[in-house]
Amino acid sequence: MNNLGVQTMPKKNDEKITLKPRLKMRFLELELQQQDVADKMNESKQMISLWSTGKKQPTLKKAFKLARLLNCSIEELWDYEEEE
């Protein structure tokens, strides 16, 4: 809570959240290459690769766009784990 009494989001280093990507499996199921997805998402192939390996995470807007493109839910693309 800040000095105005407003609940604030935890700082990045305080968060204990893990997102484990399952993008590669979905690409295989749909017989898509990372370049195909990159072209449709207007992203670089390298960025799609980073999302697929969990080294980077897309914005929420891009995650929804990707899920829509792959005809699935965000939950099907990433496992969300929150540590206490």
PDB file of N, CA and C in Angstrom:
ATOM      1  N   MET A   1       0.847  -1.160   0.000  1.00  0.00           N
ATOM      2  CA  MET A   1       0.000   0.000   0.000  1.00  0.00           C
ATOM      3  C   MET A   1       0.900   1.233   0.000  1.00  0.00           C
ATOM      4  N   ASN A   2       0.537   2.235  -0.816  1.00  0.00           N
ATOM      5  CA  ASN A   2       1.363   3.433  -0.849  1.00  0.00           C
ATOM      6  C   ASN A   2       0.928   4.418   0.229  1.00  0.00           C
ATOM      7  N   ASN A   3       1.573   5.600   0.269  1.00  0.00           N
ATOM      8  CA  ASN A   3       1.277   6.566   1.334  1.00  0.00           C
ATOM      9  C   ASN A   3      -0.106   7.195   1.219  1.00  0.00           C
ATOM     10  N   LEU A   4      -0.810   6.982   0.120  1.00  0.00           N
ATOM     11  CA  LEU A   4      -2.179   7.475  -0.033  1.00  0.00           C
ATOM     12  C   LEU A   4      -3.213   6.414   0.341  1.00  0.00           C
ATOM     13  N   GLY A   5      -2.728   5.257   0.776  1.00  0.00           N
ATOM     14  CA  GLY A   5      -3.633   4.184   1.150  1.00  0.00           C
ATOM     15  C   GLY A   5      -4.144   3.379  -0.020  1.00  0.00           C
ATOM     16  N   VAL A   6      -3.489   3.489  -1.154  1.00  0.00           N
ATOM     17  CA  VAL A   6      -3.909   2.778  -2.358  1.00  0.00           C
ATOM     18  C   VAL A   6      -3.068   1.512  -2.500  1.00  0.00           C
ATOM     19  N   GLN A   7      -3.735   0.401  -2.747  1.00  0.00           N
ATOM     20  CA  GLN A   7      -3.035  -0.865  -2.959  1.00  0.00           C
ATOM     21  C   GLN A   7      -2.247  -0.779  -4.250  1.00  0.00           C
ATOM     22  N   THR A   8      -0.984  -1.118  -4.220  1.00  0.00           N
ATOM     23  CA  THR A   8      -0.145  -1.058  -5.405  1.00  0.00           C
ATOM     24  C   THR A   8       0.267  -2.458  -5.823  1.00  0.00           C
ATOM     25  N   MET A   9       0.658  -2.576  -7.079  1.00  0.00           N
ATOM     26  CA  MET A   9       1.139  -3.846  -7.594  1.00  0.00           C
ATOM     27  C   MET A   9       2.517  -4.123  -7.007  1.00  0.00           C
ATOM     28  N   PRO A  10       2.841  -5.378  -6.775  1.00  0.00           N
ATOM     29  CA  PRO A  10       4.171  -5.687  -6.241  1.00  0.00           C
ATOM     30  C   PRO A  10       5.249  -5.310  -7.247  1.00  0.00           C
ATOM     31  N   LYS A  11       6.394  -4.918  -6.745  1.00  0.00           N
ATOM     32  CA  LYS A  11       7.525  -4.615  -7.613  1.00  0.00           C
ATOM     33  C   LYS A  11       7.970  -5.898  -8.292  1.00  0.00           C
ATOM     34  N   LYS A  12       8.566  -5.748  -9.448  1.00  0.00           N
ATOM     35  CA  LYS A  12       8.935  -6.904 -10.256  1.00  0.00           C
ATOM     36  C   LYS A  12       9.786  -7.904  -9.478  1.00  0.00           C
ATOM     37  N   ASN A  13      10.749  -7.433  -8.694  1.00  0.00           N
ATOM     38  CA  ASN A  13      11.612  -8.355  -7.981  1.00  0.00           C
ATOM     39  C   ASN A  13      10.929  -8.986  -6.768  1.00  0.00           C
ATOM     40  N   ASP A  14       9.763  -8.475  -6.362  1.00  0.00           N
ATOM     41  CA  ASP A  14       8.996  -9.063  -5.269  1.00  0.00           C
ATOM     42  C   ASP A  14       8.078 -10.176  -5.755  1.00  0.00           C
ATOM     43  N   GLU A  15       7.791 -10.182  -7.047  1.00  0.00           N
ATOM     44  CA  GLU A  15       6.862 -11.159  -7.596  1.00  0.00           C
ATOM     45  C   GLU A  15       7.502 -12.538  -7.636  1.00  0.00           C
ATOM     46  N   LYS A  16       6.725 -13.527  -7.322  1.00  0.00           N
ATOM     47  CA  LYS A  16       7.171 -14.918  -7.396  1.00  0.00           C
ATOM     48  C   LYS A  16       6.206 -15.653  -8.319  1.00  0.00           C
ATOM     49  N   ILE A  17       6.239 -15.270  -9.578  1.00  0.00           N
ATOM     50  CA  ILE A  17       5.323 -15.838 -10.560  1.00  0.00           C
ATOM     51  C   ILE A  17       6.144 -16.514 -11.655  1.00  0.00           C
ATOM     52  N   THR A  18       5.716 -17.681 -12.033  1.00  0.00           N
ATOM     53  CA  THR A  18       6.386 -18.416 -13.095  1.00  0.00           C
ATOM     54  C   THR A  18       5.379 -18.703 -14.204  1.00  0.00           C
ATOM     55  N   LEU A  19       5.742 -18.357 -15.416  1.00  0.00           N
ATOM     56  CA  LEU A  19       4.950 -18.715 -16.591  1.00  0.00           C
ATOM     57  C   LEU A  19       5.761 -19.707 -17.396  1.00  0.00           C
ATOM     58  N   LYS A  20       5.242 -20.905 -17.532  1.00  0.00           N
ATOM     59  CA  LYS A  20       5.926 -21.932 -18.315  1.00  0.00           C
ATOM     60  C   LYS A  20       5.212 -22.051 -19.656  1.00  0.00           C
ATOM     61  N   PRO A  21       5.917 -21.694 -20.729  1.00  0.00           N
ATOM     62  CA  PRO A  21       5.265 -21.711 -22.037  1.00  0.00           C
ATOM     63  C   PRO A  21       5.015 -23.121 -22.567  1.00  0.00           C
ATOM     64  N   ARG A  22       3.888 -23.243 -23.250  1.00  0.00           N
ATOM     65  CA  ARG A  22       3.552 -24.477 -23.974  1.00  0.00           C
ATOM     66  C   ARG A  22       3.298 -24.148 -25.438  1.00  0.00           C
ATOM     67  N   LEU A  23       3.941 -23.080 -25.888  1.00  0.00           N
ATOM     68  CA  LEU A  23       3.718 -22.621 -27.253  1.00  0.00           C
ATOM     69  C   LEU A  23       4.203 -23.626 -28.289  1.00  0.00           C
ATOM     70  N   LYS A  24       5.361 -24.215 -28.049  1.00  0.00           N
ATOM     71  CA  LYS A  24       5.924 -25.151 -29.030  1.00  0.00           C
ATOM     72  C   LYS A  24       4.965 -26.300 -29.320  1.00  0.00           C
ATOM     73  N   MET A  25       4.315 -26.803 -28.274  1.00  0.00           N
ATOM     74  CA  MET A  25       3.354 -27.894 -28.461  1.00  0.00           C
ATOM     75  C   MET A  25       2.183 -27.444 -29.337  1.00  0.00           C
ATOM     76  N   ARG A  26       1.700 -26.237 -29.085  1.00  0.00           N
ATOM     77  CA  ARG A  26       0.574 -25.730 -29.870  1.00  0.00           C
ATOM     78  C   ARG A  26       0.979 -25.514 -31.323  1.00  0.00           C
ATOM     79  N   PHE A  27       2.193 -25.001 -31.547  1.00  0.00           N
ATOM     80  CA  PHE A  27       2.669 -24.825 -32.915  1.00  0.00           C
ATOM     81  C   PHE A  27       2.722 -26.173 -33.634  1.00  0.00           C
ATOM     82  N   LEU A  28       3.211 -27.199 -32.935  1.00  0.00           N
ATOM     83  CA  LEU A  28       3.275 -28.536 -33.532  1.00  0.00           C
ATOM     84  C   LEU A  28       1.886 -29.068 -33.858  1.00  0.00           C
ATOM     85  N   GLU A  29       0.944 -28.880 -32.917  1.00  0.00           N
ATOM     86  CA  GLU A  29      -0.426 -29.355 -33.132  1.00  0.00           C
ATOM     87  C   GLU A  29      -1.032 -28.728 -34.380  1.00  0.00           C
ATOM     88  N   LEU A  30      -0.750 -27.459 -34.592  1.00  0.00           N
ATOM     89  CA  LEU A  30      -1.318 -26.732 -35.728  1.00  0.00           C
ATOM     90  C   LEU A  30      -0.412 -26.750 -36.958  1.00  0.00           C
ATOM     91  N   GLU A  31       0.724 -27.431 -36.834  1.00  0.00           N
ATOM     92  CA  GLU A  31       1.704 -27.518 -37.915  1.00  0.00           C
ATOM     93  C   GLU A  31       2.128 -26.131 -38.386  1.00  0.00           C
ATOM     94  N   LEU A  32       2.432 -25.278 -37.422  1.00  0.00           N
ATOM     95  CA  LEU A  32       2.888 -23.916 -37.702  1.00  0.00           C
ATOM     96  C   LEU A  32       4.361 -23.780 -37.356  1.00  0.00           C
ATOM     97  N   GLN A  33       5.043 -22.979 -38.124  1.00  0.00           N
ATOM     98  CA  GLN A  33       6.424 -22.619 -37.828  1.00  0.00           C
ATOM     99  C   GLN A  33       6.418 -21.287 -37.072  1.00  0.00           C
ATOM    100  N   GLN A  34       7.480 -21.037 -36.322  1.00  0.00           N
ATOM    101  CA  GLN A  34       7.570 -19.770 -35.601  1.00  0.00           C
ATOM    102  C   GLN A  34       7.484 -18.585 -36.556  1.00  0.00           C
ATOM    103  N   GLN A  35       8.053 -18.725 -37.742  1.00  0.00           N
ATOM    104  CA  GLN A  35       8.002 -17.633 -38.715  1.00  0.00           C
ATOM    105  C   GLN A  35       6.564 -17.350 -39.153  1.00  0.00           C
ATOM    106  N   ASP A  36       5.745 -18.394 -39.307  1.00  0.00           N
ATOM    107  CA  ASP A  36       4.331 -18.208 -39.659  1.00  0.00           C
ATOM    108  C   ASP A  36       3.633 -17.366 -38.597  1.00  0.00           C
ATOM    109  N   VAL A  37       3.871 -17.727 -37.342  1.00  0.00           N
ATOM    110  CA  VAL A  37       3.252 -17.005 -36.222  1.00  0.00           C
ATOM    111  C   VAL A  37       3.780 -15.583 -36.163  1.00  0.00           C
ATOM    112  N   ALA A  38       5.078 -15.424 -36.336  1.00  0.00           N
ATOM    113  CA  ALA A  38       5.690 -14.091 -36.301  1.00  0.00           C
ATOM    114  C   ALA A  38       5.069 -13.178 -37.357  1.00  0.00           C
ATOM    115  N   ASP A  39       4.908 -13.705 -38.564  1.00  0.00           N
ATOM    116  CA  ASP A  39       4.316 -12.911 -39.646  1.00  0.00           C
ATOM    117  C   ASP A  39       2.893 -12.481 -39.310  1.00  0.00           C
ATOM    118  N   LYS A  40       2.106 -13.395 -38.773  1.00  0.00           N
ATOM    119  CA  LYS A  40       0.711 -13.094 -38.443  1.00  0.00           C
ATOM    120  C   LYS A  40       0.583 -12.169 -37.237  1.00  0.00           C
ATOM    121  N   MET A  41       1.568 -12.235 -36.339  1.00  0.00           N
ATOM    122  CA  MET A  41       1.551 -11.398 -35.131  1.00  0.00           C
ATOM    123  C   MET A  41       2.257 -10.056 -35.347  1.00  0.00           C
ATOM    124  N   ASN A  42       2.908  -9.900 -36.514  1.00  0.00           N
ATOM    125  CA  ASN A  42       3.703  -8.716 -36.791  1.00  0.00           C
ATOM    126  C   ASN A  42       4.833  -8.567 -35.764  1.00  0.00           C
ATOM    127  N   GLU A  43       5.451  -9.694 -35.446  1.00  0.00           N
ATOM    128  CA  GLU A  43       6.581  -9.767 -34.512  1.00  0.00           C
ATOM    129  C   GLU A  43       7.745 -10.428 -35.239  1.00  0.00           C
ATOM    130  N   SER A  44       8.916 -10.346 -34.634  1.00  0.00           N
ATOM    131  CA  SER A  44      10.069 -11.041 -35.218  1.00  0.00           C
ATOM    132  C   SER A  44      10.037 -12.512 -34.816  1.00  0.00           C
ATOM    133  N   LYS A  45      10.667 -13.333 -35.634  1.00  0.00           N
ATOM    134  CA  LYS A  45      10.775 -14.754 -35.303  1.00  0.00           C
ATOM    135  C   LYS A  45      11.535 -14.921 -33.994  1.00  0.00           C
ATOM    136  N   GLN A  46      12.516 -14.068 -33.763  1.00  0.00           N
ATOM    137  CA  GLN A  46      13.298 -14.140 -32.532  1.00  0.00           C
ATOM    138  C   GLN A  46      12.427 -13.890 -31.299  1.00  0.00           C
ATOM    139  N   MET A  47      11.495 -12.951 -31.399  1.00  0.00           N
ATOM    140  CA  MET A  47      10.610 -12.664 -30.265  1.00  0.00           C
ATOM    141  C   MET A  47       9.698 -13.858 -29.992  1.00  0.00           C
ATOM    142  N   ILE A  48       9.161 -14.468 -31.030  1.00  0.00           N
ATOM    143  CA  ILE A  48       8.316 -15.652 -30.851  1.00  0.00           C
ATOM    144  C   ILE A  48       9.131 -16.763 -30.198  1.00  0.00           C
ATOM    145  N   SER A  49      10.380 -16.900 -30.609  1.00  0.00           N
ATOM    146  CA  SER A  49      11.267 -17.895 -30.011  1.00  0.00           C
ATOM    147  C   SER A  49      11.489 -17.610 -28.525  1.00  0.00           C
ATOM    148  N   LEU A  50      11.700 -16.353 -28.174  1.00  0.00           N
ATOM    149  CA  LEU A  50      11.894 -15.984 -26.766  1.00  0.00           C
ATOM    150  C   LEU A  50      10.643 -16.289 -25.939  1.00  0.00           C
ATOM    151  N   TRP A  51       9.474 -16.028 -26.509  1.00  0.00           N
ATOM    152  CA  TRP A  51       8.226 -16.372 -25.809  1.00  0.00           C
ATOM    153  C   TRP A  51       8.112 -17.881 -25.643  1.00  0.00           C
ATOM    154  N   SER A  52       8.500 -18.615 -26.681  1.00  0.00           N
ATOM    155  CA  SER A  52       8.374 -20.078 -26.675  1.00  0.00           C
ATOM    156  C   SER A  52       9.285 -20.741 -25.654  1.00  0.00           C
ATOM    157  N   THR A  53      10.427 -20.132 -25.407  1.00  0.00           N
ATOM    158  CA  THR A  53      11.379 -20.703 -24.456  1.00  0.00           C
ATOM    159  C   THR A  53      11.207 -20.143 -23.047  1.00  0.00           C
ATOM    160  N   GLY A  54      10.349 -19.135 -22.901  1.00  0.00           N
ATOM    161  CA  GLY A  54      10.123 -18.544 -21.586  1.00  0.00           C
ATOM    162  C   GLY A  54      11.150 -17.505 -21.191  1.00  0.00           C
ATOM    163  N   LYS A  55      12.018 -17.118 -22.120  1.00  0.00           N
ATOM    164  CA  LYS A  55      13.025 -16.103 -21.806  1.00  0.00           C
ATOM    165  C   LYS A  55      12.435 -14.707 -21.782  1.00  0.00           C
ATOM    166  N   LYS A  56      11.328 -14.513 -22.469  1.00  0.00           N
ATOM    167  CA  LYS A  56      10.571 -13.260 -22.465  1.00  0.00           C
ATOM    168  C   LYS A  56       9.096 -13.607 -22.393  1.00  0.00           C
ATOM    169  N   GLN A  57       8.315 -12.648 -21.926  1.00  0.00           N
ATOM    170  CA  GLN A  57       6.874 -12.836 -21.865  1.00  0.00           C
ATOM    171  C   GLN A  57       6.192 -11.731 -22.656  1.00  0.00           C
ATOM    172  N   PRO A  58       5.178 -12.081 -23.422  1.00  0.00           N
ATOM    173  CA  PRO A  58       4.476 -11.052 -24.184  1.00  0.00           C
ATOM    174  C   PRO A  58       3.624 -10.193 -23.253  1.00  0.00           C
ATOM    175  N   THR A  59       3.246  -9.039 -23.750  1.00  0.00           N
ATOM    176  CA  THR A  59       2.278  -8.236 -23.009  1.00  0.00           C
ATOM    177  C   THR A  59       0.967  -9.012 -22.969  1.00  0.00           C
ATOM    178  N   LEU A  60       0.107  -8.650 -22.080  1.00  0.00           N
ATOM    179  CA  LEU A  60      -1.186  -9.319 -21.974  1.00  0.00           C
ATOM    180  C   LEU A  60      -1.968  -9.194 -23.281  1.00  0.00           C
ATOM    181  N   LYS A  61      -1.906  -8.026 -23.894  1.00  0.00           N
ATOM    182  CA  LYS A  61      -2.600  -7.801 -25.163  1.00  0.00           C
ATOM    183  C   LYS A  61      -2.080  -8.755 -26.242  1.00  0.00           C
ATOM    184  N   LYS A  62      -0.754  -8.911 -26.311  1.00  0.00           N
ATOM    185  CA  LYS A  62      -0.167  -9.804 -27.309  1.00  0.00           C
ATOM    186  C   LYS A  62      -0.462 -11.263 -26.984  1.00  0.00           C
ATOM    187  N   ALA A  63      -0.512 -11.601 -25.712  1.00  0.00           N
ATOM    188  CA  ALA A  63      -0.839 -12.977 -25.314  1.00  0.00           C
ATOM    189  C   ALA A  63      -2.261 -13.324 -25.754  1.00  0.00           C
ATOM    190  N   PHE A  64      -3.203 -12.398 -25.565  1.00  0.00           N
ATOM    191  CA  PHE A  64      -4.578 -12.633 -26.019  1.00  0.00           C
ATOM    192  C   PHE A  64      -4.634 -12.743 -27.538  1.00  0.00           C
ATOM    193  N   LYS A  65      -3.893 -11.887 -28.220  1.00  0.00           N
ATOM    194  CA  LYS A  65      -3.866 -11.925 -29.685  1.00  0.00           C
ATOM    195  C   LYS A  65      -3.307 -13.266 -30.169  1.00  0.00           C
ATOM    196  N   LEU A  66      -2.250 -13.736 -29.525  1.00  0.00           N
ATOM    197  CA  LEU A  66      -1.653 -15.014 -29.889  1.00  0.00           C
ATOM    198  C   LEU A  66      -2.623 -16.163 -29.639  1.00  0.00           C
ATOM    199  N   ALA A  67      -3.285 -16.140 -28.486  1.00  0.00           N
ATOM    200  CA  ALA A  67      -4.256 -17.190 -28.181  1.00  0.00           C
ATOM    201  C   ALA A  67      -5.388 -17.199 -29.208  1.00  0.00           C
ATOM    202  N   ARG A  68      -5.845 -16.026 -29.583  1.00  0.00           N
ATOM    203  CA  ARG A  68      -6.908 -15.939 -30.592  1.00  0.00           C
ATOM    204  C   ARG A  68      -6.417 -16.497 -31.928  1.00  0.00           C
ATOM    205  N   LEU A  69      -5.187 -16.140 -32.293  1.00  0.00           N
ATOM    206  CA  LEU A  69      -4.601 -16.630 -33.535  1.00  0.00           C
ATOM    207  C   LEU A  69      -4.490 -18.150 -33.537  1.00  0.00           C
ATOM    208  N   LEU A  70      -4.134 -18.721 -32.387  1.00  0.00           N
ATOM    209  CA  LEU A  70      -3.948 -20.163 -32.273  1.00  0.00           C
ATOM    210  C   LEU A  70      -5.224 -20.898 -31.863  1.00  0.00           C
ATOM    211  N   ASN A  71      -6.332 -20.140 -31.795  1.00  0.00           N
ATOM    212  CA  ASN A  71      -7.646 -20.710 -31.499  1.00  0.00           C
ATOM    213  C   ASN A  71      -7.652 -21.491 -30.175  1.00  0.00           C
ATOM    214  N   CYS A  72      -7.161 -20.838 -29.134  1.00  0.00           N
ATOM    215  CA  CYS A  72      -7.131 -21.467 -27.815  1.00  0.00           C
ATOM    216  C   CYS A  72      -7.159 -20.372 -26.749  1.00  0.00           C
ATOM    217  N   SER A  73      -7.083 -20.771 -25.502  1.00  0.00           N
ATOM    218  CA  SER A  73      -7.050 -19.804 -24.411  1.00  0.00           C
ATOM    219  C   SER A  73      -5.601 -19.556 -23.987  1.00  0.00           C
ATOM    220  N   ILE A  74      -5.383 -18.476 -23.294  1.00  0.00           N
ATOM    221  CA  ILE A  74      -4.050 -18.176 -22.770  1.00  0.00           C
ATOM    222  C   ILE A  74      -3.582 -19.303 -21.852  1.00  0.00           C
ATOM    223  N   GLU A  75      -4.502 -19.859 -21.088  1.00  0.00           N
ATOM    224  CA  GLU A  75      -4.150 -20.942 -20.159  1.00  0.00           C
ATOM    225  C   GLU A  75      -3.613 -22.178 -20.881  1.00  0.00           C
ATOM    226  N   GLU A  76      -3.992 -22.343 -22.127  1.00  0.00           N
ATOM    227  CA  GLU A  76      -3.483 -23.469 -22.908  1.00  0.00           C
ATOM    228  C   GLU A  76      -2.076 -23.204 -23.435  1.00  0.00           C
ATOM    229  N   LEU A  77      -1.649 -21.950 -23.421  1.00  0.00           N
ATOM    230  CA  LEU A  77      -0.340 -21.583 -23.943  1.00  0.00           C
ATOM    231  C   LEU A  77       0.724 -21.419 -22.860  1.00  0.00           C
ATOM    232  N   TRP A  78       0.288 -21.123 -21.642  1.00  0.00           N
ATOM    233  CA  TRP A  78       1.232 -20.953 -20.537  1.00  0.00           C
ATOM    234  C   TRP A  78       0.677 -21.584 -19.275  1.00  0.00           C
ATOM    235  N   ASP A  79       1.548 -22.246 -18.529  1.00  0.00           N
ATOM    236  CA  ASP A  79       1.216 -22.704 -17.177  1.00  0.00           C
ATOM    237  C   ASP A  79       1.591 -21.577 -16.232  1.00  0.00           C
ATOM    238  N   TYR A  80       0.670 -21.155 -15.417  1.00  0.00           N
ATOM    239  CA  TYR A  80       0.884 -20.064 -14.472  1.00  0.00           C
ATOM    240  C   TYR A  80       1.070 -20.659 -13.071  1.00  0.00           C
ATOM    241  N   GLU A  81       2.182 -20.334 -12.465  1.00  0.00           N
ATOM    242  CA  GLU A  81       2.451 -20.800 -11.108  1.00  0.00           C
ATOM    243  C   GLU A  81       2.814 -19.595 -10.254  1.00  0.00           C
ATOM    244  N   GLU A  82       2.145 -19.468  -9.125  1.00  0.00           N
ATOM    245  CA  GLU A  82       2.426 -18.370  -8.209  1.00  0.00           C
ATOM    246  C   GLU A  82       2.984 -18.948  -6.924  1.00  0.00           C
ATOM    247  N   GLU A  83       4.185 -18.517  -6.562  1.00  0.00           N
ATOM    248  CA  GLU A  83       4.820 -18.995  -5.345  1.00  0.00           C
ATOM    249  C   GLU A  83       4.480 -18.042  -4.201  1.00  0.00           C
ATOM    250  N   GLU A  84       4.349 -18.596  -3.016  1.00  0.00           N
ATOM    251  CA  GLU A  84       4.039 -17.757  -1.850  1.00  0.00           C
ATOM    252  C   GLU A  84       5.279 -17.378  -1.101  1.00  0.00           C
TER     253      GLU A  84
END
